[in-house]
Amino acid sequence: MTYRECLDYFHELSVHRNIDGLQDDTYFQFDVIGRDSGHFYIHLKDGTLEVISGEYKQRNVQFIVTISSLERVINGVMDPIYAYATGKLNIAGDVSLGRNFLSRIIKE
């Protein structure tokens, strides 16, 4: 998966999946590091996702991750809690909210 494919996945997710049960009006910042890097954030409001390129400073949760680790989490190969515990994924802000969000974005 490339950074562009990652963005495409989240855009598809925003169209096809309703994310209920999380704190409303929440911002999740993704800082993808490494060779194929970039920044985007997701705004969760009324159960729907909006994906925006760039950085959002008033985020509730910040994820710092390589594209390969993010791909493994998305594909269900690596558990988000394991990724966090082993340092493959850094979460700043509301860690519980971040882990809950990640568990809901895994490909079905």
PDB file of N, CA and C in Angstrom:
ATOM      1  N   MET A   1       0.852  -1.172   0.000  1.00  0.00           N
ATOM      2  CA  MET A   1       0.000   0.000   0.000  1.00  0.00           C
ATOM      3  C   MET A   1       0.897   1.235   0.000  1.00  0.00           C
ATOM      4  N   THR A   2       0.548   2.195  -0.827  1.00  0.00           N
ATOM      5  CA  THR A   2       1.242   3.477  -0.846  1.00  0.00           C
ATOM      6  C   THR A   2       0.444   4.484  -0.017  1.00  0.00           C
ATOM      7  N   TYR A   3       1.044   5.628   0.201  1.00  0.00           N
ATOM      8  CA  TYR A   3       0.333   6.692   0.915  1.00  0.00           C
ATOM      9  C   TYR A   3      -0.945   7.066   0.169  1.00  0.00           C
ATOM     10  N   ARG A   4      -0.857   7.170  -1.153  1.00  0.00           N
ATOM     11  CA  ARG A   4      -2.031   7.523  -1.972  1.00  0.00           C
ATOM     12  C   ARG A   4      -3.124   6.457  -1.840  1.00  0.00           C
ATOM     13  N   GLU A   5      -2.744   5.183  -1.858  1.00  0.00           N
ATOM     14  CA  GLU A   5      -3.714   4.094  -1.692  1.00  0.00           C
ATOM     15  C   GLU A   5      -4.349   4.137  -0.301  1.00  0.00           C
ATOM     16  N   CYS A   6      -3.567   4.536   0.687  1.00  0.00           N
ATOM     17  CA  CYS A   6      -4.095   4.689   2.045  1.00  0.00           C
ATOM     18  C   CYS A   6      -5.168   5.772   2.075  1.00  0.00           C
ATOM     19  N   LEU A   7      -4.885   6.915   1.464  1.00  0.00           N
ATOM     20  CA  LEU A   7      -5.886   7.985   1.387  1.00  0.00           C
ATOM     21  C   LEU A   7      -7.128   7.511   0.649  1.00  0.00           C
ATOM     22  N   ASP A   8      -6.920   6.793  -0.450  1.00  0.00           N
ATOM     23  CA  ASP A   8      -8.056   6.268  -1.214  1.00  0.00           C
ATOM     24  C   ASP A   8      -8.903   5.335  -0.357  1.00  0.00           C
ATOM     25  N   TYR A   9      -8.247   4.486   0.460  1.00  0.00           N
ATOM     26  CA  TYR A   9      -8.983   3.576   1.334  1.00  0.00           C
ATOM     27  C   TYR A   9      -9.865   4.365   2.304  1.00  0.00           C
ATOM     28  N   PHE A  10      -9.311   5.391   2.921  1.00  0.00           N
ATOM     29  CA  PHE A  10     -10.094   6.175   3.877  1.00  0.00           C
ATOM     30  C   PHE A  10     -11.209   6.960   3.185  1.00  0.00           C
ATOM     31  N   HIS A  11     -10.964   7.413   1.961  1.00  0.00           N
ATOM     32  CA  HIS A  11     -12.043   8.077   1.213  1.00  0.00           C
ATOM     33  C   HIS A  11     -13.172   7.085   0.920  1.00  0.00           C
ATOM     34  N   GLU A  12     -12.824   5.869   0.513  1.00  0.00           N
ATOM     35  CA  GLU A  12     -13.834   4.820   0.285  1.00  0.00           C
ATOM     36  C   GLU A  12     -14.577   4.498   1.577  1.00  0.00           C
ATOM     37  N   LEU A  13     -13.831   4.411   2.660  1.00  0.00           N
ATOM     38  CA  LEU A  13     -14.431   4.127   3.962  1.00  0.00           C
ATOM     39  C   LEU A  13     -15.435   5.209   4.334  1.00  0.00           C
ATOM     40  N   SER A  14     -15.108   6.451   4.019  1.00  0.00           N
ATOM     41  CA  SER A  14     -16.004   7.560   4.368  1.00  0.00           C
ATOM     42  C   SER A  14     -17.317   7.486   3.603  1.00  0.00           C
ATOM     43  N   VAL A  15     -17.292   6.870   2.437  1.00  0.00           N
ATOM     44  CA  VAL A  15     -18.504   6.753   1.618  1.00  0.00           C
ATOM     45  C   VAL A  15     -19.341   5.548   2.041  1.00  0.00           C
ATOM     46  N   HIS A  16     -18.674   4.452   2.400  1.00  0.00           N
ATOM     47  CA  HIS A  16     -19.376   3.180   2.573  1.00  0.00           C
ATOM     48  C   HIS A  16     -19.583   2.716   4.009  1.00  0.00           C
ATOM     49  N   ARG A  17     -18.994   3.373   4.969  1.00  0.00           N
ATOM     50  CA  ARG A  17     -19.141   2.872   6.338  1.00  0.00           C
ATOM     51  C   ARG A  17     -19.555   3.995   7.276  1.00  0.00           C
ATOM     52  N   ASN A  18     -20.555   3.694   8.081  1.00  0.00           N
ATOM     53  CA  ASN A  18     -20.999   4.614   9.120  1.00  0.00           C
ATOM     54  C   ASN A  18     -20.319   4.191  10.421  1.00  0.00           C
ATOM     55  N   ILE A  19     -19.635   5.103  11.067  1.00  0.00           N
ATOM     56  CA  ILE A  19     -18.911   4.803  12.298  1.00  0.00           C
ATOM     57  C   ILE A  19     -19.704   5.371  13.469  1.00  0.00           C
ATOM     58  N   ASP A  20     -20.497   4.537  14.095  1.00  0.00           N
ATOM     59  CA  ASP A  20     -21.287   4.964  15.253  1.00  0.00           C
ATOM     60  C   ASP A  20     -20.583   4.553  16.541  1.00  0.00           C
ATOM     61  N   GLY A  21     -20.986   5.160  17.627  1.00  0.00           N
ATOM     62  CA  GLY A  21     -20.500   4.749  18.936  1.00  0.00           C
ATOM     63  C   GLY A  21     -19.224   5.425  19.390  1.00  0.00           C
ATOM     64  N   LEU A  22     -18.709   6.350  18.612  1.00  0.00           N
ATOM     65  CA  LEU A  22     -17.532   7.105  19.023  1.00  0.00           C
ATOM     66  C   LEU A  22     -17.937   8.532  19.341  1.00  0.00           C
ATOM     67  N   GLN A  23     -17.102   9.196  20.099  1.00  0.00           N
ATOM     68  CA  GLN A  23     -17.328  10.598  20.447  1.00  0.00           C
ATOM     69  C   GLN A  23     -17.554  11.409  19.174  1.00  0.00           C
ATOM     70  N   ASP A  24     -18.622  12.187  19.140  1.00  0.00           N
ATOM     71  CA  ASP A  24     -18.968  12.969  17.951  1.00  0.00           C
ATOM     72  C   ASP A  24     -18.099  14.224  17.852  1.00  0.00           C
ATOM     73  N   ASP A  25     -17.946  14.706  16.635  1.00  0.00           N
ATOM     74  CA  ASP A  25     -17.162  15.905  16.327  1.00  0.00           C
ATOM     75  C   ASP A  25     -15.722  15.727  16.804  1.00  0.00           C
ATOM     76  N   THR A  26     -15.096  14.661  16.296  1.00  0.00           N
ATOM     77  CA  THR A  26     -13.758  14.262  16.700  1.00  0.00           C
ATOM     78  C   THR A  26     -12.814  14.336  15.509  1.00  0.00           C
ATOM     79  N   TYR A  27     -11.570  14.715  15.780  1.00  0.00           N
ATOM     80  CA  TYR A  27     -10.541  14.821  14.738  1.00  0.00           C
ATOM     81  C   TYR A  27      -9.418  13.834  15.024  1.00  0.00           C
ATOM     82  N   PHE A  28      -9.091  13.024  13.998  1.00  0.00           N
ATOM     83  CA  PHE A  28      -8.012  12.046  14.070  1.00  0.00           C
ATOM     84  C   PHE A  28      -6.938  12.451  13.063  1.00  0.00           C
ATOM     85  N   GLN A  29      -5.760  12.800  13.550  1.00  0.00           N
ATOM     86  CA  GLN A  29      -4.646  13.206  12.692  1.00  0.00           C
ATOM     87  C   GLN A  29      -3.775  11.987  12.411  1.00  0.00           C
ATOM     88  N   PHE A  30      -3.458  11.730  11.143  1.00  0.00           N
ATOM     89  CA  PHE A  30      -2.549  10.664  10.748  1.00  0.00           C
ATOM     90  C   PHE A  30      -1.283  11.294  10.195  1.00  0.00           C
ATOM     91  N   ASP A  31      -0.161  11.039  10.851  1.00  0.00           N
ATOM     92  CA  ASP A  31       1.142  11.466  10.358  1.00  0.00           C
ATOM     93  C   ASP A  31       1.873  10.210   9.906  1.00  0.00           C
ATOM     94  N   VAL A  32       1.889   9.999   8.601  1.00  0.00           N
ATOM     95  CA  VAL A  32       2.521   8.820   8.022  1.00  0.00           C
ATOM     96  C   VAL A  32       3.983   9.172   7.778  1.00  0.00           C
ATOM     97  N   ILE A  33       4.883   8.405   8.385  1.00  0.00           N
ATOM     98  CA  ILE A  33       6.310   8.701   8.323  1.00  0.00           C
ATOM     99  C   ILE A  33       7.035   7.647   7.495  1.00  0.00           C
ATOM    100  N   GLY A  34       8.261   7.957   7.117  1.00  0.00           N
ATOM    101  CA  GLY A  34       9.062   7.028   6.338  1.00  0.00           C
ATOM    102  C   GLY A  34       9.203   7.501   4.904  1.00  0.00           C
ATOM    103  N   ARG A  35       9.532   6.573   4.019  1.00  0.00           N
ATOM    104  CA  ARG A  35       9.787   6.918   2.615  1.00  0.00           C
ATOM    105  C   ARG A  35       8.551   7.452   1.909  1.00  0.00           C
ATOM    106  N   ASP A  36       7.416   6.851   2.143  1.00  0.00           N
ATOM    107  CA  ASP A  36       6.157   7.272   1.509  1.00  0.00           C
ATOM    108  C   ASP A  36       5.318   7.948   2.591  1.00  0.00           C
ATOM    109  N   SER A  37       5.531   9.236   2.790  1.00  0.00           N
ATOM    110  CA  SER A  37       4.952   9.914   3.947  1.00  0.00           C
ATOM    111  C   SER A  37       3.956  10.993   3.542  1.00  0.00           C
ATOM    112  N   GLY A  38       3.222  11.451   4.521  1.00  0.00           N
ATOM    113  CA  GLY A  38       2.259  12.525   4.312  1.00  0.00           C
ATOM    114  C   GLY A  38       1.407  12.711   5.551  1.00  0.00           C
ATOM    115  N   HIS A  39       0.528  13.685   5.488  1.00  0.00           N
ATOM    116  CA  HIS A  39      -0.339  14.009   6.622  1.00  0.00           C
ATOM    117  C   HIS A  39      -1.778  14.139   6.132  1.00  0.00           C
ATOM    118  N   PHE A  40      -2.689  13.580   6.897  1.00  0.00           N
ATOM    119  CA  PHE A  40      -4.112  13.787   6.640  1.00  0.00           C
ATOM    120  C   PHE A  40      -4.847  13.658   7.960  1.00  0.00           C
ATOM    121  N   TYR A  41      -6.060  14.155   7.967  1.00  0.00           N
ATOM    122  CA  TYR A  41      -6.872  13.997   9.169  1.00  0.00           C
ATOM    123  C   TYR A  41      -8.281  13.595   8.779  1.00  0.00           C
ATOM    124  N   ILE A  42      -8.941  12.989   9.739  1.00  0.00           N
ATOM    125  CA  ILE A  42     -10.305  12.513   9.559  1.00  0.00           C
ATOM    126  C   ILE A  42     -11.180  13.222  10.580  1.00  0.00           C
ATOM    127  N   HIS A  43     -12.252  13.806  10.100  1.00  0.00           N
ATOM    128  CA  HIS A  43     -13.224  14.452  10.980  1.00  0.00           C
ATOM    129  C   HIS A  43     -14.425  13.524  11.072  1.00  0.00           C
ATOM    130  N   LEU A  44     -14.730  13.065  12.257  1.00  0.00           N
ATOM    131  CA  LEU A  44     -15.883  12.202  12.508  1.00  0.00           C
ATOM    132  C   LEU A  44     -16.996  13.062  13.078  1.00  0.00           C
ATOM    133  N   LYS A  45     -18.105  13.118  12.360  1.00  0.00           N
ATOM    134  CA  LYS A  45     -19.256  13.898  12.828  1.00  0.00           C
ATOM    135  C   LYS A  45     -20.528  13.191  12.378  1.00  0.00           C
ATOM    136  N   ASP A  46     -21.451  13.018  13.305  1.00  0.00           N
ATOM    137  CA  ASP A  46     -22.735  12.365  13.030  1.00  0.00           C
ATOM    138  C   ASP A  46     -22.547  10.985  12.405  1.00  0.00           C
ATOM    139  N   GLY A  47     -21.498  10.267  12.827  1.00  0.00           N
ATOM    140  CA  GLY A  47     -21.259   8.913  12.343  1.00  0.00           C
ATOM    141  C   GLY A  47     -20.620   8.831  10.976  1.00  0.00           C
ATOM    142  N   THR A  48     -20.331   9.961  10.348  1.00  0.00           N
ATOM    143  CA  THR A  48     -19.706   9.944   9.022  1.00  0.00           C
ATOM    144  C   THR A  48     -18.282  10.492   9.108  1.00  0.00           C
ATOM    145  N   LEU A  49     -17.459  10.063   8.160  1.00  0.00           N
ATOM    146  CA  LEU A  49     -16.058  10.454   8.114  1.00  0.00           C
ATOM    147  C   LEU A  49     -15.820  11.430   6.974  1.00  0.00           C
ATOM    148  N   GLU A  50     -15.010  12.428   7.237  1.00  0.00           N
ATOM    149  CA  GLU A  50     -14.531  13.323   6.188  1.00  0.00           C
ATOM    150  C   GLU A  50     -13.009  13.263   6.233  1.00  0.00           C
ATOM    151  N   VAL A  51     -12.380  12.966   5.096  1.00  0.00           N
ATOM    152  CA  VAL A  51     -10.930  12.821   5.012  1.00  0.00           C
ATOM    153  C   VAL A  51     -10.357  14.057   4.335  1.00  0.00           C
ATOM    154  N   ILE A  52      -9.381  14.699   4.988  1.00  0.00           N
ATOM    155  CA  ILE A  52      -8.803  15.940   4.483  1.00  0.00           C
ATOM    156  C   ILE A  52      -7.281  15.830   4.525  1.00  0.00           C
ATOM    157  N   SER A  53      -6.616  16.172   3.422  1.00  0.00           N
ATOM    158  CA  SER A  53      -5.153  16.197   3.395  1.00  0.00           C
ATOM    159  C   SER A  53      -4.648  17.351   4.241  1.00  0.00           C
ATOM    160  N   GLY A  54      -3.502  17.145   4.879  1.00  0.00           N
ATOM    161  CA  GLY A  54      -2.891  18.195   5.675  1.00  0.00           C
ATOM    162  C   GLY A  54      -2.932  17.885   7.157  1.00  0.00           C
ATOM    163  N   GLU A  55      -2.634  18.898   7.951  1.00  0.00           N
ATOM    164  CA  GLU A  55      -2.574  18.740   9.402  1.00  0.00           C
ATOM    165  C   GLU A  55      -3.685  19.539  10.077  1.00  0.00           C
ATOM    166  N   TYR A  56      -4.153  19.000  11.191  1.00  0.00           N
ATOM    167  CA  TYR A  56      -5.159  19.684  11.999  1.00  0.00           C
ATOM    168  C   TYR A  56      -4.620  19.748  13.420  1.00  0.00           C
ATOM    169  N   LYS A  57      -4.358  20.919  13.904  1.00  0.00           N
ATOM    170  CA  LYS A  57      -3.672  21.096  15.190  1.00  0.00           C
ATOM    171  C   LYS A  57      -4.557  20.836  16.412  1.00  0.00           C
ATOM    172  N   GLN A  58      -5.871  21.031  16.300  1.00  0.00           N
ATOM    173  CA  GLN A  58      -6.761  20.821  17.453  1.00  0.00           C
ATOM    174  C   GLN A  58      -7.332  19.400  17.473  1.00  0.00           C
ATOM    175  N   ARG A  59      -6.545  18.452  17.056  1.00  0.00           N
ATOM    176  CA  ARG A  59      -6.973  17.049  16.974  1.00  0.00           C
ATOM    177  C   ARG A  59      -7.226  16.462  18.361  1.00  0.00           C
ATOM    178  N   ASN A  60      -8.093  15.458  18.381  1.00  0.00           N
ATOM    179  CA  ASN A  60      -8.330  14.704  19.610  1.00  0.00           C
ATOM    180  C   ASN A  60      -7.314  13.578  19.751  1.00  0.00           C
ATOM    181  N   VAL A  61      -6.922  13.016  18.597  1.00  0.00           N
ATOM    182  CA  VAL A  61      -5.992  11.893  18.569  1.00  0.00           C
ATOM    183  C   VAL A  61      -5.016  12.112  17.419  1.00  0.00           C
ATOM    184  N   GLN A  62      -3.751  11.780  17.670  1.00  0.00           N
ATOM    185  CA  GLN A  62      -2.741  11.829  16.621  1.00  0.00           C
ATOM    186  C   GLN A  62      -2.105  10.450  16.511  1.00  0.00           C
ATOM    187  N   PHE A  63      -2.066   9.920  15.282  1.00  0.00           N
ATOM    188  CA  PHE A  63      -1.400   8.655  15.002  1.00  0.00           C
ATOM    189  C   PHE A  63      -0.119   8.963  14.237  1.00  0.00           C
ATOM    190  N   ILE A  64       0.990   8.399  14.687  1.00  0.00           N
ATOM    191  CA  ILE A  64       2.253   8.505  13.972  1.00  0.00           C
ATOM    192  C   ILE A  64       2.657   7.079  13.632  1.00  0.00           C
ATOM    193  N   VAL A  65       2.772   6.802  12.318  1.00  0.00           N
ATOM    194  CA  VAL A  65       2.911   5.417  11.881  1.00  0.00           C
ATOM    195  C   VAL A  65       3.543   5.371  10.492  1.00  0.00           C
ATOM    196  N   THR A  66       4.249   4.286  10.193  1.00  0.00           N
ATOM    197  CA  THR A  66       4.729   4.075   8.826  1.00  0.00           C
ATOM    198  C   THR A  66       3.580   3.527   7.990  1.00  0.00           C
ATOM    199  N   ILE A  67       3.695   3.667   6.691  1.00  0.00           N
ATOM    200  CA  ILE A  67       2.639   3.174   5.805  1.00  0.00           C
ATOM    201  C   ILE A  67       2.518   1.651   5.909  1.00  0.00           C
ATOM    202  N   SER A  68       3.646   0.943   6.087  1.00  0.00           N
ATOM    203  CA  SER A  68       3.569  -0.523   6.170  1.00  0.00           C
ATOM    204  C   SER A  68       2.845  -0.972   7.441  1.00  0.00           C
ATOM    205  N   SER A  69       3.089  -0.300   8.559  1.00  0.00           N
ATOM    206  CA  SER A  69       2.378  -0.665   9.797  1.00  0.00           C
ATOM    207  C   SER A  69       0.902  -0.311   9.704  1.00  0.00           C
ATOM    208  N   LEU A  70       0.596   0.845   9.119  1.00  0.00           N
ATOM    209  CA  LEU A  70      -0.811   1.227   8.953  1.00  0.00           C
ATOM    210  C   LEU A  70      -1.534   0.238   8.044  1.00  0.00           C
ATOM    211  N   GLU A  71      -0.870  -0.201   6.992  1.00  0.00           N
ATOM    212  CA  GLU A  71      -1.470  -1.190   6.092  1.00  0.00           C
ATOM    213  C   GLU A  71      -1.773  -2.487   6.837  1.00  0.00           C
ATOM    214  N   ARG A  72      -0.847  -2.932   7.686  1.00  0.00           N
ATOM    215  CA  ARG A  72      -1.076  -4.176   8.438  1.00  0.00           C
ATOM    216  C   ARG A  72      -2.238  -4.030   9.413  1.00  0.00           C
ATOM    217  N   VAL A  73      -2.387  -2.861  10.019  1.00  0.00           N
ATOM    218  CA  VAL A  73      -3.532  -2.624  10.915  1.00  0.00           C
ATOM    219  C   VAL A  73      -4.828  -2.625  10.112  1.00  0.00           C
ATOM    220  N   ILE A  74      -4.855  -1.898   9.000  1.00  0.00           N
ATOM    221  CA  ILE A  74      -6.056  -1.812   8.160  1.00  0.00           C
ATOM    222  C   ILE A  74      -6.481  -3.186   7.661  1.00  0.00           C
ATOM    223  N   ASN A  75      -5.506  -4.011   7.266  1.00  0.00           N
ATOM    224  CA  ASN A  75      -5.815  -5.334   6.720  1.00  0.00           C
ATOM    225  C   ASN A  75      -6.094  -6.379   7.793  1.00  0.00           C
ATOM    226  N   GLY A  76      -5.992  -6.000   9.061  1.00  0.00           N
ATOM    227  CA  GLY A  76      -6.275  -6.938  10.141  1.00  0.00           C
ATOM    228  C   GLY A  76      -5.147  -7.900  10.431  1.00  0.00           C
ATOM    229  N   VAL A  77      -3.969  -7.659   9.852  1.00  0.00           N
ATOM    230  CA  VAL A  77      -2.813  -8.520  10.078  1.00  0.00           C
ATOM    231  C   VAL A  77      -2.171  -8.210  11.431  1.00  0.00           C
ATOM    232  N   MET A  78      -2.202  -6.944  11.826  1.00  0.00           N
ATOM    233  CA  MET A  78      -1.638  -6.519  13.108  1.00  0.00           C
ATOM    234  C   MET A  78      -2.732  -5.857  13.942  1.00  0.00           C
ATOM    235  N   ASP A  79      -2.887  -6.324  15.155  1.00  0.00           N
ATOM    236  CA  ASP A  79      -3.860  -5.746  16.076  1.00  0.00           C
ATOM    237  C   ASP A  79      -3.418  -4.331  16.461  1.00  0.00           C
ATOM    238  N   PRO A  80      -4.330  -3.354  16.449  1.00  0.00           N
ATOM    239  CA  PRO A  80      -3.949  -1.986  16.807  1.00  0.00           C
ATOM    240  C   PRO A  80      -3.336  -1.866  18.206  1.00  0.00           C
ATOM    241  N   ILE A  81      -3.817  -2.655  19.151  1.00  0.00           N
ATOM    242  CA  ILE A  81      -3.275  -2.600  20.511  1.00  0.00           C
ATOM    243  C   ILE A  81      -1.849  -3.141  20.530  1.00  0.00           C
ATOM    244  N   TYR A  82      -1.606  -4.210  19.777  1.00  0.00           N
ATOM    245  CA  TYR A  82      -0.251  -4.757  19.658  1.00  0.00           C
ATOM    246  C   TYR A  82       0.671  -3.737  18.993  1.00  0.00           C
ATOM    247  N   ALA A  83       0.188  -3.103  17.922  1.00  0.00           N
ATOM    248  CA  ALA A  83       0.991  -2.100  17.214  1.00  0.00           C
ATOM    249  C   ALA A  83       1.372  -0.963  18.157  1.00  0.00           C
ATOM    250  N   TYR A  84       0.440  -0.538  18.979  1.00  0.00           N
ATOM    251  CA  TYR A  84       0.699   0.537  19.945  1.00  0.00           C
ATOM    252  C   TYR A  84       1.683   0.073  21.019  1.00  0.00           C
ATOM    253  N   ALA A  85       1.458  -1.121  21.554  1.00  0.00           N
ATOM    254  CA  ALA A  85       2.291  -1.632  22.647  1.00  0.00           C
ATOM    255  C   ALA A  85       3.732  -1.882  22.213  1.00  0.00           C
ATOM    256  N   THR A  86       3.944  -2.207  20.937  1.00  0.00           N
ATOM    257  CA  THR A  86       5.290  -2.506  20.445  1.00  0.00           C
ATOM    258  C   THR A  86       5.958  -1.309  19.778  1.00  0.00           C
ATOM    259  N   GLY A  87       5.293  -0.162  19.778  1.00  0.00           N
ATOM    260  CA  GLY A  87       5.888   1.040  19.212  1.00  0.00           C
ATOM    261  C   GLY A  87       5.800   1.158  17.704  1.00  0.00           C
ATOM    262  N   LYS A  88       5.073   0.273  17.057  1.00  0.00           N
ATOM    263  CA  LYS A  88       4.879   0.362  15.603  1.00  0.00           C
ATOM    264  C   LYS A  88       3.905   1.479  15.253  1.00  0.00           C
ATOM    265  N   LEU A  89       3.117   1.873  16.234  1.00  0.00           N
ATOM    266  CA  LEU A  89       2.113   2.919  16.081  1.00  0.00           C
ATOM    267  C   LEU A  89       2.163   3.785  17.336  1.00  0.00           C
ATOM    268  N   ASN A  90       2.397   5.057  17.157  1.00  0.00           N
ATOM    269  CA  ASN A  90       2.365   5.984  18.288  1.00  0.00           C
ATOM    270  C   ASN A  90       1.032   6.708  18.284  1.00  0.00           C
ATOM    271  N   ILE A  91       0.440   6.825  19.456  1.00  0.00           N
ATOM    272  CA  ILE A  91      -0.838   7.522  19.598  1.00  0.00           C
ATOM    273  C   ILE A  91      -0.665   8.613  20.645  1.00  0.00           C
ATOM    274  N   ALA A  92      -0.973   9.842  20.251  1.00  0.00           N
ATOM    275  CA  ALA A  92      -0.947  10.971  21.184  1.00  0.00           C
ATOM    276  C   ALA A  92      -2.378  11.466  21.357  1.00  0.00           C
ATOM    277  N   GLY A  93      -2.667  11.990  22.532  1.00  0.00           N
ATOM    278  CA  GLY A  93      -4.025  12.453  22.810  1.00  0.00           C
ATOM    279  C   GLY A  93      -4.804  11.369  23.527  1.00  0.00           C
ATOM    280  N   ASP A  94      -6.053  11.199  23.160  1.00  0.00           N
ATOM    281  CA  ASP A  94      -6.939  10.221  23.794  1.00  0.00           C
ATOM    282  C   ASP A  94      -6.643   8.828  23.228  1.00  0.00           C
ATOM    283  N   VAL A  95      -5.765   8.092  23.903  1.00  0.00           N
ATOM    284  CA  VAL A  95      -5.311   6.784  23.426  1.00  0.00           C
ATOM    285  C   VAL A  95      -6.468   5.802  23.315  1.00  0.00           C
ATOM    286  N   SER A  96      -7.358   5.786  24.281  1.00  0.00           N
ATOM    287  CA  SER A  96      -8.505   4.874  24.257  1.00  0.00           C
ATOM    288  C   SER A  96      -9.395   5.140  23.038  1.00  0.00           C
ATOM    289  N   LEU A  97      -9.671   6.400  22.770  1.00  0.00           N
ATOM    290  CA  LEU A  97     -10.462   6.774  21.598  1.00  0.00           C
ATOM    291  C   LEU A  97      -9.744   6.366  20.319  1.00  0.00           C
ATOM    292  N   GLY A  98      -8.442   6.556  20.277  1.00  0.00           N
ATOM    293  CA  GLY A  98      -7.659   6.178  19.102  1.00  0.00           C
ATOM    294  C   GLY A  98      -7.700   4.688  18.832  1.00  0.00           C
ATOM    295  N   ARG A  99      -7.520   3.885  19.861  1.00  0.00           N
ATOM    296  CA  ARG A  99      -7.569   2.426  19.680  1.00  0.00           C
ATOM    297  C   ARG A  99      -8.968   1.986  19.261  1.00  0.00           C
ATOM    298  N   ASN A 100      -9.993   2.586  19.837  1.00  0.00           N
ATOM    299  CA  ASN A 100     -11.371   2.261  19.479  1.00  0.00           C
ATOM    300  C   ASN A 100     -11.628   2.594  18.008  1.00  0.00           C
ATOM    301  N   PHE A 101     -11.168   3.755  17.565  1.00  0.00           N
ATOM    302  CA  PHE A 101     -11.334   4.153  16.167  1.00  0.00           C
ATOM    303  C   PHE A 101     -10.621   3.173  15.239  1.00  0.00           C
ATOM    304  N   LEU A 102      -9.376   2.827  15.563  1.00  0.00           N
ATOM    305  CA  LEU A 102      -8.618   1.914  14.705  1.00  0.00           C
ATOM    306  C   LEU A 102      -9.299   0.556  14.590  1.00  0.00           C
ATOM    307  N   SER A 103      -9.912   0.088  15.656  1.00  0.00           N
ATOM    308  CA  SER A 103     -10.583  -1.217  15.600  1.00  0.00           C
ATOM    309  C   SER A 103     -11.793  -1.194  14.661  1.00  0.00           C
ATOM    310  N   ARG A 104     -12.295  -0.003  14.344  1.00  0.00           N
ATOM    311  CA  ARG A 104     -13.473   0.124  13.480  1.00  0.00           C
ATOM    312  C   ARG A 104     -13.135   0.367  12.014  1.00  0.00           C
ATOM    313  N   ILE A 105     -11.858   0.579  11.695  1.00  0.00           N
ATOM    314  CA  ILE A 105     -11.494   0.862  10.300  1.00  0.00           C
ATOM    315  C   ILE A 105     -10.874  -0.335   9.601  1.00  0.00           C
ATOM    316  N   ILE A 106     -10.781  -1.460  10.284  1.00  0.00           N
ATOM    317  CA  ILE A 106     -10.190  -2.657   9.697  1.00  0.00           C
ATOM    318  C   ILE A 106     -11.068  -3.134   8.547  1.00  0.00           C
ATOM    319  N   LYS A 107     -10.411  -3.544   7.452  1.00  0.00           N
ATOM    320  CA  LYS A 107     -11.150  -4.037   6.287  1.00  0.00           C
ATOM    321  C   LYS A 107     -11.985  -5.238   6.678  1.00  0.00           C
ATOM    322  N   GLU A 108     -13.186  -5.283   6.137  1.00  0.00           N
ATOM    323  CA  GLU A 108     -14.090  -6.403   6.445  1.00  0.00           C
ATOM    324  C   GLU A 108     -13.940  -7.496   5.426  1.00  0.00           C
TER     325      GLU A 108
END
